[in-house]
Structures are given as C-alpha cells and as structure tokens.
Amino acid sequence: MENQETKFGFTEFAETWNGRLAMLGFVIGLATEYLTGQGILSQIGIM
C-alpha cells in the first residue's frame, strides 16, 4: 500500500496541471482584456 502514488499535495502531477491551468487563465484574461478594451479589475468593478 505504501508504494501507491498519491495524486494530492505537491506532486509533479498536481504542479503540472496547476501550471497548465494558470497559463490558460492568463491567456483567457489577456484575450478578454483585448476584446473588451477594459482591464480585469474594471470588468469586475474594482476600478
């Protein structure tokens, strides 16, 4: 049972997907900002 690899915590699997999703979110944020002409903070009403 101890040889079973977990998928939780700071594992290579989790960090890989975290990085991929962060890059995807960044690109979507830039595309939204480009298409609307407003920054992310102004879109959600902070500025």
PDB file of N, CA and C in Angstrom:
ATOM      1  N   MET A   1       0.802  -1.206   0.000  1.00  0.00           N
ATOM      2  CA  MET A   1       0.000   0.000   0.000  1.00  0.00           C
ATOM      3  C   MET A   1       0.845   1.272   0.000  1.00  0.00           C
ATOM      4  N   GLU A   2       2.031   1.216   0.574  1.00  0.00           N
ATOM      5  CA  GLU A   2       2.847   2.423   0.647  1.00  0.00           C
ATOM      6  C   GLU A   2       3.465   2.785  -0.695  1.00  0.00           C
ATOM      7  N   ASN A   3       3.517   1.876  -1.631  1.00  0.00           N
ATOM      8  CA  ASN A   3       4.072   2.149  -2.947  1.00  0.00           C
ATOM      9  C   ASN A   3       3.081   2.850  -3.861  1.00  0.00           C
ATOM     10  N   GLN A   4       1.828   2.938  -3.417  1.00  0.00           N
ATOM     11  CA  GLN A   4       0.807   3.584  -4.229  1.00  0.00           C
ATOM     12  C   GLN A   4       1.064   5.088  -4.284  1.00  0.00           C
ATOM     13  N   GLU A   5       1.140   5.614  -5.512  1.00  0.00           N
ATOM     14  CA  GLU A   5       1.416   7.045  -5.688  1.00  0.00           C
ATOM     15  C   GLU A   5       0.129   7.849  -5.493  1.00  0.00           C
ATOM     16  N   THR A   6       0.209   8.875  -4.679  1.00  0.00           N
ATOM     17  CA  THR A   6      -0.969   9.706  -4.437  1.00  0.00           C
ATOM     18  C   THR A   6      -1.038  10.824  -5.468  1.00  0.00           C
ATOM     19  N   LYS A   7      -2.225  11.361  -5.679  1.00  0.00           N
ATOM     20  CA  LYS A   7      -2.428  12.450  -6.622  1.00  0.00           C
ATOM     21  C   LYS A   7      -2.765  13.752  -5.896  1.00  0.00           C
ATOM     22  N   PHE A   8      -2.481  13.830  -4.600  1.00  0.00           N
ATOM     23  CA  PHE A   8      -2.790  15.012  -3.806  1.00  0.00           C
ATOM     24  C   PHE A   8      -1.516  15.620  -3.245  1.00  0.00           C
ATOM     25  N   GLY A   9      -1.549  16.932  -2.985  1.00  0.00           N
ATOM     26  CA  GLY A   9      -0.388  17.596  -2.418  1.00  0.00           C
ATOM     27  C   GLY A   9       0.540  18.119  -3.496  1.00  0.00           C
ATOM     28  N   PHE A  10       1.749  18.421  -3.122  1.00  0.00           N
ATOM     29  CA  PHE A  10       2.736  18.982  -4.037  1.00  0.00           C
ATOM     30  C   PHE A  10       3.426  17.866  -4.817  1.00  0.00           C
ATOM     31  N   THR A  11       2.681  17.231  -5.686  1.00  0.00           N
ATOM     32  CA  THR A  11       3.254  16.189  -6.525  1.00  0.00           C
ATOM     33  C   THR A  11       3.524  16.763  -7.909  1.00  0.00           C
ATOM     34  N   GLU A  12       4.314  16.062  -8.681  1.00  0.00           N
ATOM     35  CA  GLU A  12       4.619  16.518 -10.035  1.00  0.00           C
ATOM     36  C   GLU A  12       3.343  16.598 -10.872  1.00  0.00           C
ATOM     37  N   PHE A  13       2.432  15.650 -10.678  1.00  0.00           N
ATOM     38  CA  PHE A  13       1.159  15.636 -11.402  1.00  0.00           C
ATOM     39  C   PHE A  13       0.347  16.892 -11.092  1.00  0.00           C
ATOM     40  N   ALA A  14       0.221  17.217  -9.820  1.00  0.00           N
ATOM     41  CA  ALA A  14      -0.572  18.378  -9.420  1.00  0.00           C
ATOM     42  C   ALA A  14       0.060  19.681  -9.891  1.00  0.00           C
ATOM     43  N   GLU A  15       1.352  19.792  -9.779  1.00  0.00           N
ATOM     44  CA  GLU A  15       2.024  21.024 -10.185  1.00  0.00           C
ATOM     45  C   GLU A  15       1.992  21.222 -11.696  1.00  0.00           C
ATOM     46  N   THR A  16       2.043  20.132 -12.450  1.00  0.00           N
ATOM     47  CA  THR A  16       1.943  20.236 -13.909  1.00  0.00           C
ATOM     48  C   THR A  16       0.584  20.791 -14.310  1.00  0.00           C
ATOM     49  N   TRP A  17      -0.479  20.234 -13.735  1.00  0.00           N
ATOM     50  CA  TRP A  17      -1.824  20.719 -14.073  1.00  0.00           C
ATOM     51  C   TRP A  17      -2.063  22.123 -13.548  1.00  0.00           C
ATOM     52  N   ASN A  18      -1.510  22.448 -12.400  1.00  0.00           N
ATOM     53  CA  ASN A  18      -1.636  23.800 -11.867  1.00  0.00           C
ATOM     54  C   ASN A  18      -0.996  24.805 -12.822  1.00  0.00           C
ATOM     55  N   GLY A  19       0.171  24.495 -13.332  1.00  0.00           N
ATOM     56  CA  GLY A  19       0.847  25.376 -14.279  1.00  0.00           C
ATOM     57  C   GLY A  19       0.087  25.519 -15.582  1.00  0.00           C
ATOM     58  N   ARG A  20      -0.448  24.411 -16.084  1.00  0.00           N
ATOM     59  CA  ARG A  20      -1.213  24.461 -17.330  1.00  0.00           C
ATOM     60  C   ARG A  20      -2.467  25.318 -17.181  1.00  0.00           C
ATOM     61  N   LEU A  21      -3.181  25.135 -16.086  1.00  0.00           N
ATOM     62  CA  LEU A  21      -4.407  25.908 -15.870  1.00  0.00           C
ATOM     63  C   LEU A  21      -4.104  27.383 -15.618  1.00  0.00           C
ATOM     64  N   ALA A  22      -2.989  27.674 -14.960  1.00  0.00           N
ATOM     65  CA  ALA A  22      -2.595  29.066 -14.748  1.00  0.00           C
ATOM     66  C   ALA A  22      -2.273  29.748 -16.073  1.00  0.00           C
ATOM     67  N   MET A  23      -1.571  29.049 -16.959  1.00  0.00           N
ATOM     68  CA  MET A  23      -1.264  29.622 -18.272  1.00  0.00           C
ATOM     69  C   MET A  23      -2.531  29.844 -19.084  1.00  0.00           C
ATOM     70  N   LEU A  24      -3.451  28.911 -19.000  1.00  0.00           N
ATOM     71  CA  LEU A  24      -4.715  29.042 -19.712  1.00  0.00           C
ATOM     72  C   LEU A  24      -5.510  30.231 -19.182  1.00  0.00           C
ATOM     73  N   GLY A  25      -5.574  30.388 -17.881  1.00  0.00           N
ATOM     74  CA  GLY A  25      -6.278  31.521 -17.294  1.00  0.00           C
ATOM     75  C   GLY A  25      -5.647  32.852 -17.667  1.00  0.00           C
ATOM     76  N   PHE A  26      -4.329  32.896 -17.733  1.00  0.00           N
ATOM     77  CA  PHE A  26      -3.636  34.122 -18.104  1.00  0.00           C
ATOM     78  C   PHE A  26      -3.947  34.509 -19.541  1.00  0.00           C
ATOM     79  N   VAL A  27      -3.924  33.538 -20.443  1.00  0.00           N
ATOM     80  CA  VAL A  27      -4.217  33.803 -21.851  1.00  0.00           C
ATOM     81  C   VAL A  27      -5.676  34.235 -22.024  1.00  0.00           C
ATOM     82  N   ILE A  28      -6.591  33.594 -21.321  1.00  0.00           N
ATOM     83  CA  ILE A  28      -8.002  33.986 -21.392  1.00  0.00           C
ATOM     84  C   ILE A  28      -8.186  35.400 -20.854  1.00  0.00           C
ATOM     85  N   GLY A  29      -7.490  35.745 -19.777  1.00  0.00           N
ATOM     86  CA  GLY A  29      -7.564  37.104 -19.231  1.00  0.00           C
ATOM     87  C   GLY A  29      -7.056  38.144 -20.208  1.00  0.00           C
ATOM     88  N   LEU A  30      -5.941  37.852 -20.871  1.00  0.00           N
ATOM     89  CA  LEU A  30      -5.409  38.781 -21.869  1.00  0.00           C
ATOM     90  C   LEU A  30      -6.348  38.927 -23.059  1.00  0.00           C
ATOM     91  N   ALA A  31      -6.917  37.825 -23.519  1.00  0.00           N
ATOM     92  CA  ALA A  31      -7.837  37.867 -24.654  1.00  0.00           C
ATOM     93  C   ALA A  31      -9.096  38.657 -24.300  1.00  0.00           C
ATOM     94  N   THR A  32      -9.607  38.463 -23.103  1.00  0.00           N
ATOM     95  CA  THR A  32     -10.797  39.196 -22.667  1.00  0.00           C
ATOM     96  C   THR A  32     -10.504  40.685 -22.567  1.00  0.00           C
ATOM     97  N   GLU A  33      -9.339  41.022 -22.035  1.00  0.00           N
ATOM     98  CA  GLU A  33      -8.951  42.421 -21.936  1.00  0.00           C
ATOM     99  C   GLU A  33      -8.802  43.051 -23.320  1.00  0.00           C
ATOM    100  N   TYR A  34      -8.240  42.316 -24.246  1.00  0.00           N
ATOM    101  CA  TYR A  34      -8.067  42.821 -25.615  1.00  0.00           C
ATOM    102  C   TYR A  34      -9.422  43.019 -26.298  1.00  0.00           C
ATOM    103  N   LEU A  35     -10.322  42.059 -26.145  1.00  0.00           N
ATOM    104  CA  LEU A  35     -11.611  42.118 -26.835  1.00  0.00           C
ATOM    105  C   LEU A  35     -12.552  43.171 -26.252  1.00  0.00           C
ATOM    106  N   THR A  36     -12.504  43.383 -24.937  1.00  0.00           N
ATOM    107  CA  THR A  36     -13.423  44.342 -24.318  1.00  0.00           C
ATOM    108  C   THR A  36     -12.826  45.739 -24.203  1.00  0.00           C
ATOM    109  N   GLY A  37     -11.504  45.837 -24.206  1.00  0.00           N
ATOM    110  CA  GLY A  37     -10.866  47.138 -24.043  1.00  0.00           C
ATOM    111  C   GLY A  37     -10.809  47.594 -22.595  1.00  0.00           C
ATOM    112  N   GLN A  38     -11.182  46.745 -21.677  1.00  0.00           N
ATOM    113  CA  GLN A  38     -11.155  47.060 -20.248  1.00  0.00           C
ATOM    114  C   GLN A  38     -10.220  46.080 -19.543  1.00  0.00           C
ATOM    115  N   GLY A  39      -9.593  46.577 -18.491  1.00  0.00           N
ATOM    116  CA  GLY A  39      -8.762  45.691 -17.690  1.00  0.00           C
ATOM    117  C   GLY A  39      -9.612  44.783 -16.848  1.00  0.00           C
ATOM    118  N   ILE A  40      -8.977  43.764 -16.280  1.00  0.00           N
ATOM    119  CA  ILE A  40      -9.710  42.778 -15.491  1.00  0.00           C
ATOM    120  C   ILE A  40     -10.322  43.430 -14.254  1.00  0.00           C
ATOM    121  N   LEU A  41      -9.604  44.333 -13.615  1.00  0.00           N
ATOM    122  CA  LEU A  41     -10.139  44.971 -12.412  1.00  0.00           C
ATOM    123  C   LEU A  41     -11.350  45.842 -12.722  1.00  0.00           C
ATOM    124  N   SER A  42     -11.344  46.524 -13.853  1.00  0.00           N
ATOM    125  CA  SER A  42     -12.505  47.342 -14.207  1.00  0.00           C
ATOM    126  C   SER A  42     -13.684  46.481 -14.630  1.00  0.00           C
ATOM    127  N   GLN A  43     -13.426  45.306 -15.158  1.00  0.00           N
ATOM    128  CA  GLN A  43     -14.518  44.400 -15.538  1.00  0.00           C
ATOM    129  C   GLN A  43     -15.281  43.887 -14.330  1.00  0.00           C
ATOM    130  N   ILE A  44     -14.582  43.651 -13.238  1.00  0.00           N
ATOM    131  CA  ILE A  44     -15.261  43.143 -12.050  1.00  0.00           C
ATOM    132  C   ILE A  44     -15.687  44.252 -11.100  1.00  0.00           C
ATOM    133  N   GLY A  45     -15.439  45.505 -11.492  1.00  0.00           N
ATOM    134  CA  GLY A  45     -15.963  46.631 -10.744  1.00  0.00           C
ATOM    135  C   GLY A  45     -15.089  47.171  -9.632  1.00  0.00           C
ATOM    136  N   ILE A  46     -13.825  46.789  -9.577  1.00  0.00           N
ATOM    137  CA  ILE A  46     -12.943  47.294  -8.521  1.00  0.00           C
ATOM    138  C   ILE A  46     -12.413  48.669  -8.891  1.00  0.00           C
ATOM    139  N   MET A  47     -12.153  48.889 -10.162  1.00  0.00           N
ATOM    140  CA  MET A  47     -11.634  50.184 -10.599  1.00  0.00           C
ATOM    141  C   MET A  47     -12.608  50.821 -11.576  1.00  0.00           C
TER     142      MET A  47
END
